[in-house]
Amino acid sequence: MAHRSSVLRGKVQMASTESAYRYVTAKSRRNSPERLRLRKFDPTVRRHVEFVETR
């Protein structure tokens, strides 16, 4: 049986806006129910770009 904390902190995929590169991370679904947007390094274009959460 899964613990309650593992259900609330679900794994999400972050897709690059510049290429097809993706990160996998965890976020709190209770504290931030909206889609996550972060600036992270994209190794395919070799610079920092915006990543958005995919559903």
PDB file of N, CA and C in Angstrom:
ATOM      1  N   MET A   1       0.833  -1.174   0.000  1.00  0.00           N
ATOM      2  CA  MET A   1       0.000   0.000   0.000  1.00  0.00           C
ATOM      3  C   MET A   1       0.886   1.249   0.000  1.00  0.00           C
ATOM      4  N   ALA A   2       0.542   2.216  -0.836  1.00  0.00           N
ATOM      5  CA  ALA A   2       1.333   3.438  -0.947  1.00  0.00           C
ATOM      6  C   ALA A   2       1.093   4.348   0.247  1.00  0.00           C
ATOM      7  N   HIS A   3       2.163   4.997   0.661  1.00  0.00           N
ATOM      8  CA  HIS A   3       2.043   5.949   1.750  1.00  0.00           C
ATOM      9  C   HIS A   3       1.345   7.211   1.255  1.00  0.00           C
ATOM     10  N   ARG A   4       0.794   7.941   2.176  1.00  0.00           N
ATOM     11  CA  ARG A   4       0.070   9.152   1.816  1.00  0.00           C
ATOM     12  C   ARG A   4       0.993  10.197   1.176  1.00  0.00           C
ATOM     13  N   SER A   5       2.234  10.303   1.665  1.00  0.00           N
ATOM     14  CA  SER A   5       3.150  11.302   1.128  1.00  0.00           C
ATOM     15  C   SER A   5       3.527  11.008  -0.322  1.00  0.00           C
ATOM     16  N   SER A   6       3.612   9.731  -0.696  1.00  0.00           N
ATOM     17  CA  SER A   6       3.958   9.404  -2.076  1.00  0.00           C
ATOM     18  C   SER A   6       2.810   9.725  -3.025  1.00  0.00           C
ATOM     19  N   VAL A   7       1.594   9.732  -2.527  1.00  0.00           N
ATOM     20  CA  VAL A   7       0.445  10.083  -3.363  1.00  0.00           C
ATOM     21  C   VAL A   7       0.395  11.590  -3.569  1.00  0.00           C
ATOM     22  N   LEU A   8       0.691  12.367  -2.527  1.00  0.00           N
ATOM     23  CA  LEU A   8       0.641  13.822  -2.629  1.00  0.00           C
ATOM     24  C   LEU A   8       1.804  14.382  -3.434  1.00  0.00           C
ATOM     25  N   ARG A   9       2.965  13.770  -3.362  1.00  0.00           N
ATOM     26  CA  ARG A   9       4.118  14.227  -4.145  1.00  0.00           C
ATOM     27  C   ARG A   9       4.273  13.317  -5.353  1.00  0.00           C
ATOM     28  N   GLY A  10       3.542  13.604  -6.386  1.00  0.00           N
ATOM     29  CA  GLY A  10       3.568  12.774  -7.581  1.00  0.00           C
ATOM     30  C   GLY A  10       4.695  13.135  -8.516  1.00  0.00           C
ATOM     31  N   LYS A  11       5.089  12.195  -9.356  1.00  0.00           N
ATOM     32  CA  LYS A  11       6.121  12.441 -10.357  1.00  0.00           C
ATOM     33  C   LYS A  11       5.491  13.138 -11.552  1.00  0.00           C
ATOM     34  N   VAL A  12       6.179  14.137 -12.061  1.00  0.00           N
ATOM     35  CA  VAL A  12       5.723  14.870 -13.241  1.00  0.00           C
ATOM     36  C   VAL A  12       6.861  14.967 -14.245  1.00  0.00           C
ATOM     37  N   GLN A  13       6.498  15.088 -15.512  1.00  0.00           N
ATOM     38  CA  GLN A  13       7.484  15.273 -16.568  1.00  0.00           C
ATOM     39  C   GLN A  13       7.523  16.739 -16.953  1.00  0.00           C
ATOM     40  N   MET A  14       8.736  17.250 -17.158  1.00  0.00           N
ATOM     41  CA  MET A  14       8.935  18.625 -17.578  1.00  0.00           C
ATOM     42  C   MET A  14       9.462  18.590 -19.010  1.00  0.00           C
ATOM     43  N   ALA A  15       8.724  19.186 -19.943  1.00  0.00           N
ATOM     44  CA  ALA A  15       9.117  19.178 -21.353  1.00  0.00           C
ATOM     45  C   ALA A  15       9.714  20.523 -21.735  1.00  0.00           C
ATOM     46  N   SER A  16      10.783  20.493 -22.502  1.00  0.00           N
ATOM     47  CA  SER A  16      11.442  21.707 -22.963  1.00  0.00           C
ATOM     48  C   SER A  16      10.581  22.415 -24.000  1.00  0.00           C
ATOM     49  N   THR A  17      10.633  23.743 -23.995  1.00  0.00           N
ATOM     50  CA  THR A  17       9.917  24.514 -25.006  1.00  0.00           C
ATOM     51  C   THR A  17      10.730  24.653 -26.293  1.00  0.00           C
ATOM     52  N   GLU A  18      12.022  24.286 -26.249  1.00  0.00           N
ATOM     53  CA  GLU A  18      12.903  24.441 -27.408  1.00  0.00           C
ATOM     54  C   GLU A  18      13.194  23.128 -28.128  1.00  0.00           C
ATOM     55  N   SER A  19      13.132  21.997 -27.433  1.00  0.00           N
ATOM     56  CA  SER A  19      13.476  20.712 -28.044  1.00  0.00           C
ATOM     57  C   SER A  19      12.587  19.623 -27.452  1.00  0.00           C
ATOM     58  N   ALA A  20      12.941  18.369 -27.715  1.00  0.00           N
ATOM     59  CA  ALA A  20      12.160  17.238 -27.214  1.00  0.00           C
ATOM     60  C   ALA A  20      12.704  16.693 -25.902  1.00  0.00           C
ATOM     61  N   TYR A  21      13.647  17.384 -25.278  1.00  0.00           N
ATOM     62  CA  TYR A  21      14.260  16.918 -24.036  1.00  0.00           C
ATOM     63  C   TYR A  21      13.271  17.044 -22.880  1.00  0.00           C
ATOM     64  N   ARG A  22      13.329  16.072 -21.933  1.00  0.00           N
ATOM     65  CA  ARG A  22      12.418  16.060 -20.785  1.00  0.00           C
ATOM     66  C   ARG A  22      13.163  15.758 -19.500  1.00  0.00           C
ATOM     67  N   TYR A  23      12.696  16.356 -18.415  1.00  0.00           N
ATOM     68  CA  TYR A  23      13.145  16.043 -17.062  1.00  0.00           C
ATOM     69  C   TYR A  23      12.003  15.345 -16.345  1.00  0.00           C
ATOM     70  N   VAL A  24      12.328  14.516 -15.346  1.00  0.00           N
ATOM     71  CA  VAL A  24      11.326  13.933 -14.457  1.00  0.00           C
ATOM     72  C   VAL A  24      11.618  14.457 -13.063  1.00  0.00           C
ATOM     73  N   THR A  25      10.603  14.997 -12.408  1.00  0.00           N
ATOM     74  CA  THR A  25      10.765  15.550 -11.080  1.00  0.00           C
ATOM     75  C   THR A  25       9.507  15.269 -10.262  1.00  0.00           C
ATOM     76  N   ALA A  26       9.513  15.641  -9.001  1.00  0.00           N
ATOM     77  CA  ALA A  26       8.355  15.460  -8.132  1.00  0.00           C
ATOM     78  C   ALA A  26       7.877  16.817  -7.659  1.00  0.00           C
ATOM     79  N   LYS A  27       6.564  16.936  -7.463  1.00  0.00           N
ATOM     80  CA  LYS A  27       6.010  18.180  -6.941  1.00  0.00           C
ATOM     81  C   LYS A  27       4.853  17.871  -6.016  1.00  0.00           C
ATOM     82  N   SER A  28       4.557  18.809  -5.152  1.00  0.00           N
ATOM     83  CA  SER A  28       3.444  18.668  -4.221  1.00  0.00           C
ATOM     84  C   SER A  28       2.152  19.042  -4.941  1.00  0.00           C
ATOM     85  N   ARG A  29       1.261  18.096  -5.071  1.00  0.00           N
ATOM     86  CA  ARG A  29       0.007  18.358  -5.776  1.00  0.00           C
ATOM     87  C   ARG A  29      -0.943  19.216  -4.946  1.00  0.00           C
ATOM     88  N   ARG A  30      -0.812  19.186  -3.641  1.00  0.00           N
ATOM     89  CA  ARG A  30      -1.677  19.981  -2.771  1.00  0.00           C
ATOM     90  C   ARG A  30      -1.271  21.456  -2.776  1.00  0.00           C
ATOM     91  N   ASN A  31       0.032  21.730  -2.688  1.00  0.00           N
ATOM     92  CA  ASN A  31       0.496  23.119  -2.596  1.00  0.00           C
ATOM     93  C   ASN A  31       0.532  23.838  -3.933  1.00  0.00           C
ATOM     94  N   SER A  32       0.732  23.124  -5.020  1.00  0.00           N
ATOM     95  CA  SER A  32       0.774  23.766  -6.340  1.00  0.00           C
ATOM     96  C   SER A  32       0.011  22.916  -7.354  1.00  0.00           C
ATOM     97  N   PRO A  33      -1.309  23.052  -7.392  1.00  0.00           N
ATOM     98  CA  PRO A  33      -2.099  22.240  -8.323  1.00  0.00           C
ATOM     99  C   PRO A  33      -1.972  22.682  -9.780  1.00  0.00           C
ATOM    100  N   GLU A  34      -1.525  23.923 -10.038  1.00  0.00           N
ATOM    101  CA  GLU A  34      -1.379  24.393 -11.410  1.00  0.00           C
ATOM    102  C   GLU A  34      -0.108  23.809 -12.034  1.00  0.00           C
ATOM    103  N   ARG A  35       0.030  23.989 -13.332  1.00  0.00           N
ATOM    104  CA  ARG A  35       1.188  23.446 -14.031  1.00  0.00           C
ATOM    105  C   ARG A  35       2.464  24.186 -13.635  1.00  0.00           C
ATOM    106  N   LEU A  36       3.512  23.432 -13.492  1.00  0.00           N
ATOM    107  CA  LEU A  36       4.803  23.955 -13.087  1.00  0.00           C
ATOM    108  C   LEU A  36       5.556  24.489 -14.298  1.00  0.00           C
ATOM    109  N   ARG A  37       6.227  25.645 -14.153  1.00  0.00           N
ATOM    110  CA  ARG A  37       7.059  26.232 -15.206  1.00  0.00           C
ATOM    111  C   ARG A  37       8.387  26.599 -14.576  1.00  0.00           C
ATOM    112  N   LEU A  38       9.487  26.009 -15.092  1.00  0.00           N
ATOM    113  CA  LEU A  38      10.820  26.249 -14.551  1.00  0.00           C
ATOM    114  C   LEU A  38      11.799  26.533 -15.677  1.00  0.00           C
ATOM    115  N   ARG A  39      12.843  27.307 -15.353  1.00  0.00           N
ATOM    116  CA  ARG A  39      13.945  27.516 -16.281  1.00  0.00           C
ATOM    117  C   ARG A  39      15.066  26.567 -15.893  1.00  0.00           C
ATOM    118  N   LYS A  40      15.365  25.630 -16.799  1.00  0.00           N
ATOM    119  CA  LYS A  40      16.380  24.617 -16.538  1.00  0.00           C
ATOM    120  C   LYS A  40      17.288  24.496 -17.762  1.00  0.00           C
ATOM    121  N   PHE A  41      18.406  23.789 -17.575  1.00  0.00           N
ATOM    122  CA  PHE A  41      19.369  23.607 -18.661  1.00  0.00           C
ATOM    123  C   PHE A  41      18.888  22.523 -19.615  1.00  0.00           C
ATOM    124  N   ASP A  42      18.916  22.829 -20.897  1.00  0.00           N
ATOM    125  CA  ASP A  42      18.564  21.867 -21.949  1.00  0.00           C
ATOM    126  C   ASP A  42      19.849  21.479 -22.676  1.00  0.00           C
ATOM    127  N   PRO A  43      20.324  20.228 -22.516  1.00  0.00           N
ATOM    128  CA  PRO A  43      21.595  19.840 -23.127  1.00  0.00           C
ATOM    129  C   PRO A  43      21.555  19.745 -24.652  1.00  0.00           C
ATOM    130  N   THR A  44      20.394  19.611 -25.260  1.00  0.00           N
ATOM    131  CA  THR A  44      20.349  19.510 -26.721  1.00  0.00           C
ATOM    132  C   THR A  44      20.584  20.867 -27.386  1.00  0.00           C
ATOM    133  N   VAL A  45      20.100  21.943 -26.782  1.00  0.00           N
ATOM    134  CA  VAL A  45      20.359  23.283 -27.326  1.00  0.00           C
ATOM    135  C   VAL A  45      21.476  23.988 -26.567  1.00  0.00           C
ATOM    136  N   ARG A  46      21.952  23.374 -25.483  1.00  0.00           N
ATOM    137  CA  ARG A  46      23.094  23.813 -24.683  1.00  0.00           C
ATOM    138  C   ARG A  46      22.917  25.209 -24.086  1.00  0.00           C
ATOM    139  N   ARG A  47      21.729  25.456 -23.529  1.00  0.00           N
ATOM    140  CA  ARG A  47      21.478  26.695 -22.796  1.00  0.00           C
ATOM    141  C   ARG A  47      20.254  26.517 -21.906  1.00  0.00           C
ATOM    142  N   HIS A  48      19.980  27.493 -21.055  1.00  0.00           N
ATOM    143  CA  HIS A  48      18.822  27.428 -20.167  1.00  0.00           C
ATOM    144  C   HIS A  48      17.580  27.871 -20.937  1.00  0.00           C
ATOM    145  N   VAL A  49      16.531  27.058 -20.839  1.00  0.00           N
ATOM    146  CA  VAL A  49      15.253  27.359 -21.483  1.00  0.00           C
ATOM    147  C   VAL A  49      14.128  27.076 -20.501  1.00  0.00           C
ATOM    148  N   GLU A  50      12.926  27.427 -20.863  1.00  0.00           N
ATOM    149  CA  GLU A  50      11.776  27.189 -19.999  1.00  0.00           C
ATOM    150  C   GLU A  50      11.237  25.774 -20.221  1.00  0.00           C
ATOM    151  N   PHE A  51      10.962  25.095 -19.130  1.00  0.00           N
ATOM    152  CA  PHE A  51      10.356  23.767 -19.154  1.00  0.00           C
ATOM    153  C   PHE A  51       8.963  23.868 -18.553  1.00  0.00           C
ATOM    154  N   VAL A  52       7.994  23.180 -19.145  1.00  0.00           N
ATOM    155  CA  VAL A  52       6.617  23.197 -18.655  1.00  0.00           C
ATOM    156  C   VAL A  52       6.209  21.763 -18.303  1.00  0.00           C
ATOM    157  N   GLU A  53       5.335  21.661 -17.329  1.00  0.00           N
ATOM    158  CA  GLU A  53       4.846  20.352 -16.888  1.00  0.00           C
ATOM    159  C   GLU A  53       3.875  19.779 -17.929  1.00  0.00           C
ATOM    160  N   THR A  54       4.057  18.505 -18.272  1.00  0.00           N
ATOM    161  CA  THR A  54       3.140  17.828 -19.170  1.00  0.00           C
ATOM    162  C   THR A  54       2.186  16.984 -18.351  1.00  0.00           C
ATOM    163  N   ARG A  55       1.018  16.760 -18.849  1.00  0.00           N
ATOM    164  CA  ARG A  55       0.008  15.973 -18.115  1.00  0.00           C
ATOM    165  C   ARG A  55       0.037  14.529 -18.545  1.00  0.00           C
TER     166      ARG A  55
END
